[in-house]
């Protein structure tokens, strides 16, 4: 390979680093830390009844939209298999609010109020409240088209409302916003209907003029206003005893749409920032110790070539840091403790490619060739081994990423990314630096590879 080509290939590395770090510094980027490093809320939701992967992906997207709209730290929302959704919100402390937002199915129904029963009425005690059991999927779905009886607390009294079948559902809403309820005090939700449903809502309110229309959310009566006239214009409101936050949260889930299936909280966890920072510190200490040991080994065994191995590891660290920072900003990828573990393991993988190359160089030098004359040939032989080793590791990382759930995917991702970077650094940096240094007389000596004593008859 010509000197000009060696220099050209070598310049690719600083060129790539320059582009990456221009983006990093211009945007002020740092790696986006995951829940186990920054602390926050982790909730696993399990679907009730039958579900499938498509339904989980749709639910994950709706939940992601809800959490994003809260203005919280960027969440991690991922479907896990065909019946679970994992939600992680780094930096958040209010686990109950997050649980309420993501767990609300937000099935909104408009039903006619057939009768209102108060304590003391003849039928009150004999009227059974409808049992709502989401685990009985068939019965639960059938409730939409049946008359039901729900309770509604008003002051110290508990009313029982007999409601007709669902006339319209939440899919008719295009927008919902929390607003002050000037008439009754407190807060309400103003909603806008989709154009296609404005007439249906107007017809319904026209039919129920001088009657009451119940607004039911997840089988809880929010309000049952008197319909005074036909409501045109595709607008309406939901009133009740809402606080500001409750009104805002309800408006949010209505705006983002209903979940395709019902969920229950299978597992919830609040990770403290202190625990997260301690995990980060321990991960960094482990990485630094591993790096020092690898560098010491390379310098001890390969002497001058060990300096090149040190530079290779430095470039590896700069590339992995910059790429992870960019992925956090543009792909929403978060660095977790398992991801750090993958990077630490990759330090050995990156050093291993140098070991393979340097050992081939040693064999050539032991046969009497100079470093300058054998650098290219040794690398051609070593590169086949490097490719085979990195490819097998990459395939294992891909399989692990596709089949694993949760934090293990972070390990698989950083491991796979590191193997790709190892091939890149080996091809564009290590090989060309060895070739160029071999042209320098101080480096073109067997002692620079740690084989000087062998060639002089010493002990290896």
Protein backbone atom coordinates (compact mmCIF):
# COMPACT_ATOMS: atom_id res chain seq x y z
CA UNK A 1 0.00 0.00 0.00
CA UNK A 2 1.42 3.41 -0.95
CA UNK A 3 2.42 5.99 1.63
CA UNK A 4 -0.17 8.41 0.25
CA UNK A 5 -2.96 5.88 0.70
CA UNK A 6 -1.83 5.09 4.26
CA UNK A 7 -1.96 8.78 5.17
CA UNK A 8 -5.33 9.20 3.45
CA UNK A 9 -6.89 6.28 5.33
CA UNK A 10 -5.43 7.52 8.60
CA UNK A 11 -6.94 10.99 8.11
CA UNK A 12 -10.42 9.42 7.94
CA UNK A 13 -10.30 8.90 11.71
CA UNK A 14 -9.72 12.55 12.76
CA UNK A 15 -12.22 13.58 10.06
CA UNK A 16 -14.95 11.40 11.57
CA UNK A 17 -14.09 12.59 15.09
CA UNK A 18 -14.22 16.21 13.91
CA UNK A 19 -17.73 15.81 12.43
CA UNK A 20 -19.04 13.96 15.51
CA UNK A 21 -17.68 16.43 18.03
CA UNK A 22 -18.74 19.47 16.04
CA UNK A 23 -22.32 18.17 16.41
CA UNK A 24 -21.72 17.32 20.08
CA UNK A 25 -20.27 20.73 21.01
CA UNK A 26 -22.62 22.83 18.87
CA UNK A 27 -25.66 21.17 20.45
CA UNK A 28 -24.11 20.86 23.93
CA UNK A 29 -24.72 17.12 24.01
CA UNK A 30 -23.92 14.52 26.65
CA UNK A 31 -24.96 10.86 26.82
CA UNK A 32 -28.61 10.58 27.78
CA UNK A 33 -28.67 8.56 31.00
CA UNK A 34 -31.20 5.83 31.60
CA UNK A 35 -33.35 5.22 34.63
CA UNK A 36 -30.80 3.15 36.54
CA UNK A 37 -28.22 5.94 36.31
CA UNK A 38 -30.36 9.08 36.66
CA UNK A 39 -33.15 7.75 38.85
CA UNK A 40 -36.87 8.04 38.10
CA UNK A 41 -40.01 5.94 37.63
CA UNK A 42 -40.20 2.49 36.05
CA UNK A 43 -43.57 0.84 35.44
CA UNK A 44 -44.38 -2.40 33.63
CA UNK A 45 -47.97 -2.62 32.36
CA UNK A 46 -49.53 -6.00 31.56
CA UNK A 47 -52.49 -6.32 29.22
CA UNK A 48 -55.70 -7.77 30.63
CA UNK A 49 -57.17 -10.52 28.47
CA UNK A 50 -56.02 -11.35 24.97
CA UNK A 51 -53.63 -9.05 23.13
CA UNK A 52 -51.02 -9.13 20.38
CA UNK A 53 -47.78 -7.42 19.40
CA UNK A 54 -49.54 -4.89 17.14
CA UNK A 55 -51.83 -3.79 19.98
CA UNK A 56 -48.80 -3.41 22.27
CA UNK A 57 -46.99 -1.23 19.71
CA UNK A 58 -50.06 0.98 19.35
CA UNK A 59 -50.47 1.22 23.13
CA UNK A 60 -46.77 2.06 23.52
CA UNK A 61 -47.11 4.90 21.00
CA UNK A 62 -50.17 6.34 22.78
CA UNK A 63 -48.44 6.12 26.17
CA UNK A 64 -45.31 7.71 24.69
CA UNK A 65 -47.40 10.61 23.40
CA UNK A 66 -49.05 11.05 26.80
CA UNK A 67 -45.75 11.13 28.71
CA UNK A 68 -44.10 13.42 26.15
CA UNK A 69 -47.02 15.83 26.46
CA UNK A 70 -46.40 16.07 30.21
CA UNK A 71 -43.11 17.82 29.46
CA UNK A 72 -41.17 15.33 31.58
CA UNK A 73 -37.71 14.01 30.80
CA UNK A 74 -37.71 12.00 27.58
CA UNK A 75 -39.30 8.65 28.45
CA UNK A 76 -38.43 5.15 27.38
CA UNK A 77 -41.64 3.41 26.28
CA UNK A 78 -41.30 0.02 24.66
CA UNK A 79 -43.59 -2.90 23.88
CA UNK A 80 -42.32 -6.13 25.42
CA UNK A 81 -43.66 -9.16 23.66
CA UNK A 82 -47.38 -9.42 23.00
CA UNK A 83 -48.81 -8.40 26.37
CA UNK A 84 -46.52 -5.91 28.17
CA UNK A 85 -45.40 -2.32 27.87
CA UNK A 86 -42.38 -0.97 29.76
CA UNK A 87 -42.43 2.72 30.72
CA UNK A 88 -39.39 4.46 32.20
CA UNK A 89 -39.35 8.18 32.97
CA UNK A 90 -35.87 9.33 34.10
CA UNK A 91 -35.82 12.15 36.65
CA UNK A 92 -39.52 11.84 37.61
CA UNK A 93 -40.49 11.37 41.28
CA UNK A 94 -44.32 11.29 41.25
CA UNK A 95 -44.93 7.59 40.58
CA UNK A 96 -48.68 7.83 41.27
CA UNK A 97 -49.25 10.53 38.67
CA UNK A 98 -47.24 8.70 36.01
CA UNK A 99 -49.14 5.52 36.81
CA UNK A 100 -52.47 7.34 36.51
CA UNK A 101 -51.55 8.94 33.18
CA UNK A 102 -50.22 5.83 31.47
CA UNK A 103 -52.68 3.39 33.05
CA UNK A 104 -55.89 5.20 32.15
CA UNK A 105 -57.53 3.40 29.24
CA UNK A 106 -59.44 6.64 28.57
CA UNK A 107 -62.54 4.94 27.21
CA UNK A 108 -64.96 7.84 27.03
CA UNK A 109 -68.67 7.09 26.59
CA UNK A 110 -71.73 9.28 26.18
CA UNK A 111 -74.82 7.56 27.64
CA UNK A 112 -78.39 8.66 28.26
CA UNK A 113 -79.36 8.91 31.95
CA UNK A 114 -82.47 6.74 32.31
CA UNK A 115 -83.00 7.21 36.04
CA UNK A 116 -81.28 8.73 39.06
CA UNK A 117 -81.76 6.88 42.34
CA UNK A 118 -81.05 8.47 45.71
CA UNK A 119 -80.72 6.82 49.10
CA UNK A 120 -84.23 6.37 50.45
CA UNK A 121 -85.82 5.77 47.04
CA UNK A 122 -87.82 2.55 46.82
CA UNK A 123 -85.65 1.05 44.10
CA UNK A 124 -82.31 2.23 45.54
CA UNK A 125 -81.48 -0.84 47.63
CA UNK A 126 -82.82 -3.31 45.07
CA UNK A 127 -80.92 -1.78 42.15
CA UNK A 128 -77.62 -3.59 41.82
CA UNK A 129 -74.56 -1.65 40.68
CA UNK A 130 -73.03 -3.12 37.53
CA UNK A 131 -69.88 -5.14 38.22
CA UNK A 132 -66.97 -3.84 36.12
CA UNK A 133 -64.38 -6.59 35.65
CA UNK A 134 -61.82 -5.91 32.90
CA UNK A 135 -60.34 -9.41 33.38
CA UNK A 136 -63.58 -10.91 31.98
CA UNK A 137 -62.89 -9.62 28.49
CA UNK A 138 -66.09 -10.81 26.81
CA UNK A 139 -68.40 -9.41 29.50
CA UNK A 140 -66.37 -6.20 29.74
CA UNK A 141 -66.63 -5.52 26.00
CA UNK A 142 -70.35 -6.29 26.05
CA UNK A 143 -71.00 -3.51 28.60
CA UNK A 144 -70.70 -0.88 25.87
CA UNK A 145 -74.01 -1.96 24.37
CA UNK A 146 -75.86 -2.70 27.61
CA UNK A 147 -77.77 -0.68 30.18
CA UNK A 148 -75.62 -0.29 33.28
CA UNK A 149 -75.88 1.14 36.79
CA UNK A 150 -72.99 3.23 38.14
CA UNK A 151 -72.51 5.15 41.36
CA UNK A 152 -71.72 8.84 41.61
CA UNK A 153 -70.77 10.58 44.84
CA UNK A 154 -72.30 14.01 45.45
CA UNK A 155 -71.40 15.54 48.77
CA UNK A 156 -72.27 13.02 51.46
CA UNK A 157 -74.69 11.15 49.19
CA UNK A 158 -74.00 8.30 46.79
CA UNK A 159 -76.33 8.28 43.78
CA UNK A 160 -77.05 5.32 41.56
CA UNK A 161 -77.48 6.20 37.89
CA UNK A 162 -79.16 3.84 35.48
CA UNK A 163 -77.59 4.55 32.09
CA UNK A 164 -78.54 3.48 28.61
CA UNK A 165 -76.17 1.85 26.09
CA UNK A 166 -73.24 3.86 24.74
CA UNK A 167 -74.43 6.36 22.11
CA UNK A 168 -71.05 7.91 21.22
CA UNK A 169 -67.48 7.16 22.34
CA UNK A 170 -64.22 9.04 22.86
CA UNK A 171 -63.11 8.55 19.28
CA UNK A 172 -65.26 11.55 18.35
CA UNK A 173 -62.91 13.95 20.20
CA UNK A 174 -60.16 15.71 18.24
CA UNK A 175 -58.92 18.03 20.99
CA UNK A 176 -59.39 18.58 24.73
CA UNK A 177 -58.08 21.31 27.01
CA UNK A 178 -58.37 22.04 30.73
CA UNK A 179 -60.11 25.34 31.54
CA UNK A 180 -61.41 27.24 34.55
CA UNK A 181 -65.05 26.51 35.39
CA UNK A 182 -66.26 30.04 36.06
CA UNK A 183 -69.83 28.94 36.74
CA UNK A 184 -69.24 26.22 39.31
CA UNK A 185 -65.69 27.02 40.40
CA UNK A 186 -62.82 24.60 39.98
CA UNK A 187 -61.81 23.17 36.61
CA UNK A 188 -63.46 21.58 33.59
CA UNK A 189 -62.44 20.06 30.25
CA UNK A 190 -63.45 21.75 26.99
CA UNK A 191 -63.42 19.38 24.03
CA UNK A 192 -63.62 19.77 20.27
CA UNK A 193 -65.24 17.08 18.13
CA UNK A 194 -63.93 15.67 14.89
CA UNK A 195 -65.77 17.14 11.92
CA UNK A 196 -67.18 13.76 10.94
CA UNK A 197 -68.94 13.40 14.32
CA UNK A 198 -70.27 16.93 14.85
CA UNK A 199 -73.65 16.10 13.31
CA UNK A 200 -73.98 12.86 15.29
CA UNK A 201 -73.36 14.75 18.53
CA UNK A 202 -75.81 17.47 17.53
CA UNK A 203 -78.44 14.84 16.73
CA UNK A 204 -77.86 13.10 20.06
CA UNK A 205 -78.16 16.29 22.09
CA UNK A 206 -81.23 17.25 20.07
CA UNK A 207 -82.82 13.91 20.90
CA UNK A 208 -81.99 14.28 24.61
CA UNK A 209 -83.14 17.89 25.01
CA UNK A 210 -84.57 18.37 28.54
CA UNK A 211 -82.97 15.06 29.54
CA UNK A 212 -79.59 14.22 30.99
CA UNK A 213 -76.49 12.95 29.16
CA UNK A 214 -73.89 11.10 31.23
CA UNK A 215 -70.22 11.46 30.37
CA UNK A 216 -68.51 8.25 31.49
CA UNK A 217 -64.73 7.73 31.55
CA UNK A 218 -63.45 4.20 32.18
CA UNK A 219 -66.85 3.39 33.72
CA UNK A 220 -66.69 6.27 36.15
CA UNK A 221 -69.40 8.94 35.83
CA UNK A 222 -67.64 12.29 35.45
CA UNK A 223 -70.79 14.38 34.96
CA UNK A 224 -74.41 14.07 33.83
CA UNK A 225 -75.50 17.53 32.67
CA UNK A 226 -79.01 18.52 31.60
CA UNK A 227 -79.21 18.98 27.84
CA UNK A 228 -80.95 22.31 27.36
CA UNK A 229 -80.81 22.42 23.57
CA UNK A 230 -79.28 20.85 20.50
CA UNK A 231 -75.50 21.46 20.62
CA UNK A 232 -74.11 22.58 17.29
CA UNK A 233 -70.56 23.59 16.37
CA UNK A 234 -68.83 20.40 17.50
CA UNK A 235 -67.90 21.62 20.98
CA UNK A 236 -68.71 20.45 24.49
CA UNK A 237 -67.41 20.34 28.03
CA UNK A 238 -66.93 17.89 30.89
CA UNK A 239 -67.57 19.34 34.33
CA UNK A 240 -66.95 17.82 37.72
CA UNK A 241 -64.98 18.32 40.92
CA UNK A 242 -61.62 18.44 39.14
CA UNK A 243 -58.44 19.99 40.47
CA UNK A 244 -56.25 21.79 37.94
CA UNK A 245 -53.89 18.84 37.56
CA UNK A 246 -56.74 16.31 37.29
CA UNK A 247 -58.37 18.39 34.56
CA UNK A 248 -55.08 18.74 32.69
CA UNK A 249 -54.33 15.03 32.95
CA UNK A 250 -57.83 14.03 31.83
CA UNK A 251 -57.65 16.44 28.89
CA UNK A 252 -54.30 14.93 28.00
CA UNK A 253 -55.47 11.31 27.87
CA UNK A 254 -58.59 12.30 25.90
CA UNK A 255 -56.48 14.27 23.45
CA UNK A 256 -53.99 11.46 22.92
CA UNK A 257 -56.63 8.78 22.42
CA UNK A 258 -57.75 5.63 24.20
CA UNK A 259 -55.54 2.62 24.72
CA UNK A 260 -56.48 -0.35 22.51
CA UNK A 261 -56.56 -2.75 25.48
CA UNK A 262 -56.92 -2.54 29.25
CA UNK A 263 -53.81 -2.77 31.41
CA UNK A 264 -52.92 -3.44 35.00
CA UNK A 265 -49.70 -2.41 36.70
CA UNK A 266 -47.57 -5.52 36.99
CA UNK A 267 -44.54 -3.85 38.56
CA UNK A 268 -43.69 -0.29 39.56
CA UNK A 269 -40.45 1.07 40.97
CA UNK A 270 -39.08 4.43 42.05
CA UNK A 271 -35.31 4.60 41.58
CA UNK A 272 -33.62 7.30 43.65
CA UNK A 273 -31.15 9.68 41.93
CA UNK A 274 -28.63 8.85 44.69
CA UNK A 275 -28.73 5.17 43.80
CA UNK A 276 -28.44 6.08 40.11
CA UNK A 277 -25.40 8.30 40.60
CA UNK A 278 -23.74 5.63 42.76
CA UNK A 279 -24.34 3.06 40.00
CA UNK A 280 -22.80 5.46 37.46
CA UNK A 281 -19.79 6.03 39.70
CA UNK A 282 -19.23 2.31 40.18
CA UNK A 283 -19.60 1.69 36.45
CA UNK A 284 -17.05 4.39 35.62
CA UNK A 285 -14.61 3.06 38.25
CA UNK A 286 -14.93 -0.45 36.79
CA UNK A 287 -14.29 0.93 33.29
CA UNK A 288 -11.24 2.93 34.36
CA UNK A 289 -9.73 -0.01 36.26
CA UNK A 290 -10.28 -2.28 33.26
CA UNK A 291 -8.73 0.28 30.93
CA UNK A 292 -5.65 0.70 33.14
CA UNK A 293 -5.11 -3.06 33.32
CA UNK A 294 -5.44 -3.45 29.56
CA UNK A 295 -3.04 -0.56 28.86
CA UNK A 296 -0.50 -1.94 31.39
CA UNK A 297 -0.66 -5.36 29.73
CA UNK A 298 -0.20 -3.93 26.24
CA UNK A 299 2.81 -1.82 27.29
CA UNK A 300 4.40 -4.74 29.14
CA UNK A 301 4.01 -7.25 26.32
CA UNK A 302 4.26 -5.09 23.18
CA UNK A 303 6.44 -2.21 24.39
CA UNK A 304 6.41 0.50 21.70
CA UNK A 305 3.42 -1.00 19.93
CA UNK A 306 1.61 -0.74 23.24
CA UNK A 307 1.60 3.05 22.75
CA UNK A 308 -0.31 2.55 19.50
CA UNK A 309 -2.75 0.29 21.36
CA UNK A 310 -3.24 3.08 23.92
CA UNK A 311 -4.06 5.54 21.13
CA UNK A 312 -6.46 2.99 19.63
CA UNK A 313 -8.30 2.71 22.94
CA UNK A 314 -8.39 6.52 23.26
CA UNK A 315 -9.98 6.83 19.81
CA UNK A 316 -12.40 4.04 20.69
CA UNK A 317 -13.45 5.95 23.82
CA UNK A 318 -13.89 9.23 21.93
CA UNK A 319 -15.96 7.59 19.20
CA UNK A 320 -18.21 5.65 21.58
CA UNK A 321 -18.82 8.73 23.75
CA UNK A 322 -19.63 10.96 20.78
CA UNK A 323 -21.89 8.43 19.08
CA UNK A 324 -23.81 7.67 22.28
CA UNK A 325 -24.29 11.43 22.83
CA UNK A 326 -25.68 11.81 19.30
CA UNK A 327 -27.92 8.76 19.66
CA UNK A 328 -29.36 10.20 22.86
CA UNK A 329 -30.20 13.45 21.09
CA UNK A 330 -31.44 12.22 17.72
CA UNK A 331 -32.64 8.66 18.41
CA UNK A 332 -33.70 8.93 22.06
CA UNK A 333 -31.29 6.13 23.04
CA UNK A 334 -30.36 6.07 26.73
CA UNK A 335 -27.17 4.81 28.33
CA UNK A 336 -27.88 2.35 31.12
CA UNK A 337 -25.67 0.45 33.54
CA UNK A 338 -25.92 -2.62 31.31
CA UNK A 339 -24.82 -0.43 28.38
CA UNK A 340 -21.76 0.64 30.36
CA UNK A 341 -21.07 -3.06 31.01
CA UNK A 342 -21.16 -3.63 27.25
CA UNK A 343 -18.64 -0.83 26.72
CA UNK A 344 -16.32 -2.23 29.43
CA UNK A 345 -16.42 -5.66 27.79
CA UNK A 346 -15.68 -3.96 24.47
CA UNK A 347 -12.43 -2.54 25.83
CA UNK A 348 -11.13 -6.10 25.76
CA UNK A 349 -12.56 -6.63 22.26
CA UNK A 350 -10.83 -3.50 20.97
CA UNK A 351 -7.52 -4.53 22.57
CA UNK A 352 -7.92 -8.04 21.20
CA UNK A 353 -7.73 -6.84 17.59
CA UNK A 354 -4.40 -5.17 18.41
CA UNK A 355 -3.16 -8.37 20.05
CA UNK A 356 -4.01 -10.40 16.93
CA UNK A 357 -2.18 -7.92 14.67
CA UNK A 358 0.84 -7.49 16.93
CA UNK A 359 1.25 -11.25 17.33
CA UNK A 360 1.34 -11.62 13.55
CA UNK A 361 3.95 -8.87 13.44
CA UNK A 362 5.99 -10.72 16.05
CA UNK A 363 5.97 -13.88 13.95
CA UNK A 364 7.17 -11.95 10.90
CA UNK A 365 9.94 -10.19 12.85
CA UNK A 366 11.09 -13.47 14.43
CA UNK A 367 11.60 -14.77 10.89
CA UNK A 368 14.02 -11.94 10.26
CA UNK A 369 11.83 -9.38 8.51
CA UNK A 370 11.75 -5.72 9.43
CA UNK A 371 8.63 -4.03 10.77
CA UNK A 372 8.53 -1.82 7.68
CA UNK A 373 8.56 -4.75 5.26
CA UNK A 374 6.03 -6.96 7.05
CA UNK A 375 3.44 -4.49 8.40
CA UNK A 376 1.08 -4.84 5.41
CA UNK A 377 1.40 -8.61 5.02
CA UNK A 378 0.93 -9.25 8.75
CA UNK A 379 -2.18 -7.11 8.77
CA UNK A 380 -3.74 -8.94 5.80
CA UNK A 381 -3.39 -12.22 7.69
CA UNK A 382 -4.54 -10.72 10.99
CA UNK A 383 -7.51 -8.87 9.49
CA UNK A 384 -9.22 -12.12 8.52
CA UNK A 385 -9.08 -13.23 12.15
CA UNK A 386 -10.24 -9.81 13.40
CA UNK A 387 -13.21 -9.82 11.01
CA UNK A 388 -14.19 -13.39 11.96
CA UNK A 389 -14.01 -12.63 15.70
CA UNK A 390 -15.86 -9.30 15.48
CA UNK A 391 -18.49 -10.71 13.12
CA UNK A 392 -19.32 -13.59 15.47
CA UNK A 393 -19.54 -11.14 18.40
CA UNK A 394 -21.73 -8.80 16.33
CA UNK A 395 -24.10 -11.62 15.36
CA UNK A 396 -24.39 -12.65 19.02
CA UNK A 397 -25.11 -9.01 19.97
CA UNK A 398 -27.82 -8.70 17.28
CA UNK A 399 -29.53 -11.93 18.39
CA UNK A 400 -29.36 -10.83 22.02
CA UNK A 401 -30.79 -7.41 21.13
CA UNK A 402 -33.69 -8.90 19.16
CA UNK A 403 -34.63 -11.57 21.69
CA UNK A 404 -33.83 -9.92 25.01
CA UNK A 405 -36.07 -7.59 27.00
CA UNK A 406 -35.32 -4.57 29.14
CA UNK A 407 -31.79 -3.64 30.24
CA UNK A 408 -30.10 -6.57 28.45
CA UNK A 409 -30.78 -4.82 25.15
CA UNK A 410 -28.57 -1.93 26.28
CA UNK A 411 -25.69 -4.35 26.80
CA UNK A 412 -26.30 -5.95 23.40
CA UNK A 413 -26.49 -2.58 21.63
CA UNK A 414 -23.21 -1.18 23.01
CA UNK A 415 -21.50 -4.52 22.42
CA UNK A 416 -22.62 -4.57 18.76
CA UNK A 417 -21.72 -0.90 18.25
CA UNK A 418 -18.28 -1.51 19.75
CA UNK A 419 -17.49 -4.39 17.40
CA UNK A 420 -18.31 -2.19 14.40
CA UNK A 421 -16.07 0.57 15.78
CA UNK A 422 -13.30 -1.97 16.42
CA UNK A 423 -13.22 -2.96 12.74
CA UNK A 424 -13.28 0.72 11.72
CA UNK A 425 -10.42 1.69 14.04
CA UNK A 426 -8.35 -1.37 13.14
CA UNK A 427 -8.67 -0.72 9.38
CA UNK A 428 -8.28 3.03 9.29
CA UNK A 429 -6.05 3.70 12.31
CA UNK A 430 -4.05 0.79 13.79
CA UNK A 431 -2.85 -0.69 10.50
CA UNK A 432 -1.86 2.62 8.95
CA UNK A 433 -0.15 3.95 12.08
CA UNK A 434 1.96 0.76 12.31
CA UNK A 435 2.91 1.07 8.63
CA UNK A 436 3.89 4.73 9.02
CA UNK A 437 5.82 4.25 12.28
CA UNK A 438 7.62 1.29 10.69
CA UNK A 439 9.20 3.81 8.31
CA UNK A 440 10.75 5.61 11.28
CA UNK A 441 14.11 4.17 12.30
CA UNK A 442 13.51 4.28 16.10
CA UNK A 443 10.41 2.13 15.66
CA UNK A 444 11.81 -0.21 13.03
CA UNK A 445 13.48 -2.41 15.66
CA UNK A 446 12.43 -5.79 17.14
CA UNK A 447 12.59 -4.32 20.66
CA UNK A 448 9.63 -2.10 19.82
CA UNK A 449 7.53 -5.27 19.56
CA UNK A 450 9.03 -6.89 22.66
CA UNK A 451 10.98 -9.55 20.72
CA UNK A 452 14.45 -7.98 20.92
CA UNK A 453 15.72 -10.37 23.61
CA UNK A 454 14.37 -13.40 21.72
CA UNK A 455 16.34 -12.51 18.62
CA UNK A 456 19.44 -11.95 20.74
CA UNK A 457 19.10 -15.37 22.32
CA UNK A 458 17.40 -14.17 25.54
CA UNK A 459 14.43 -15.62 27.30
CA UNK A 460 11.09 -14.60 25.90
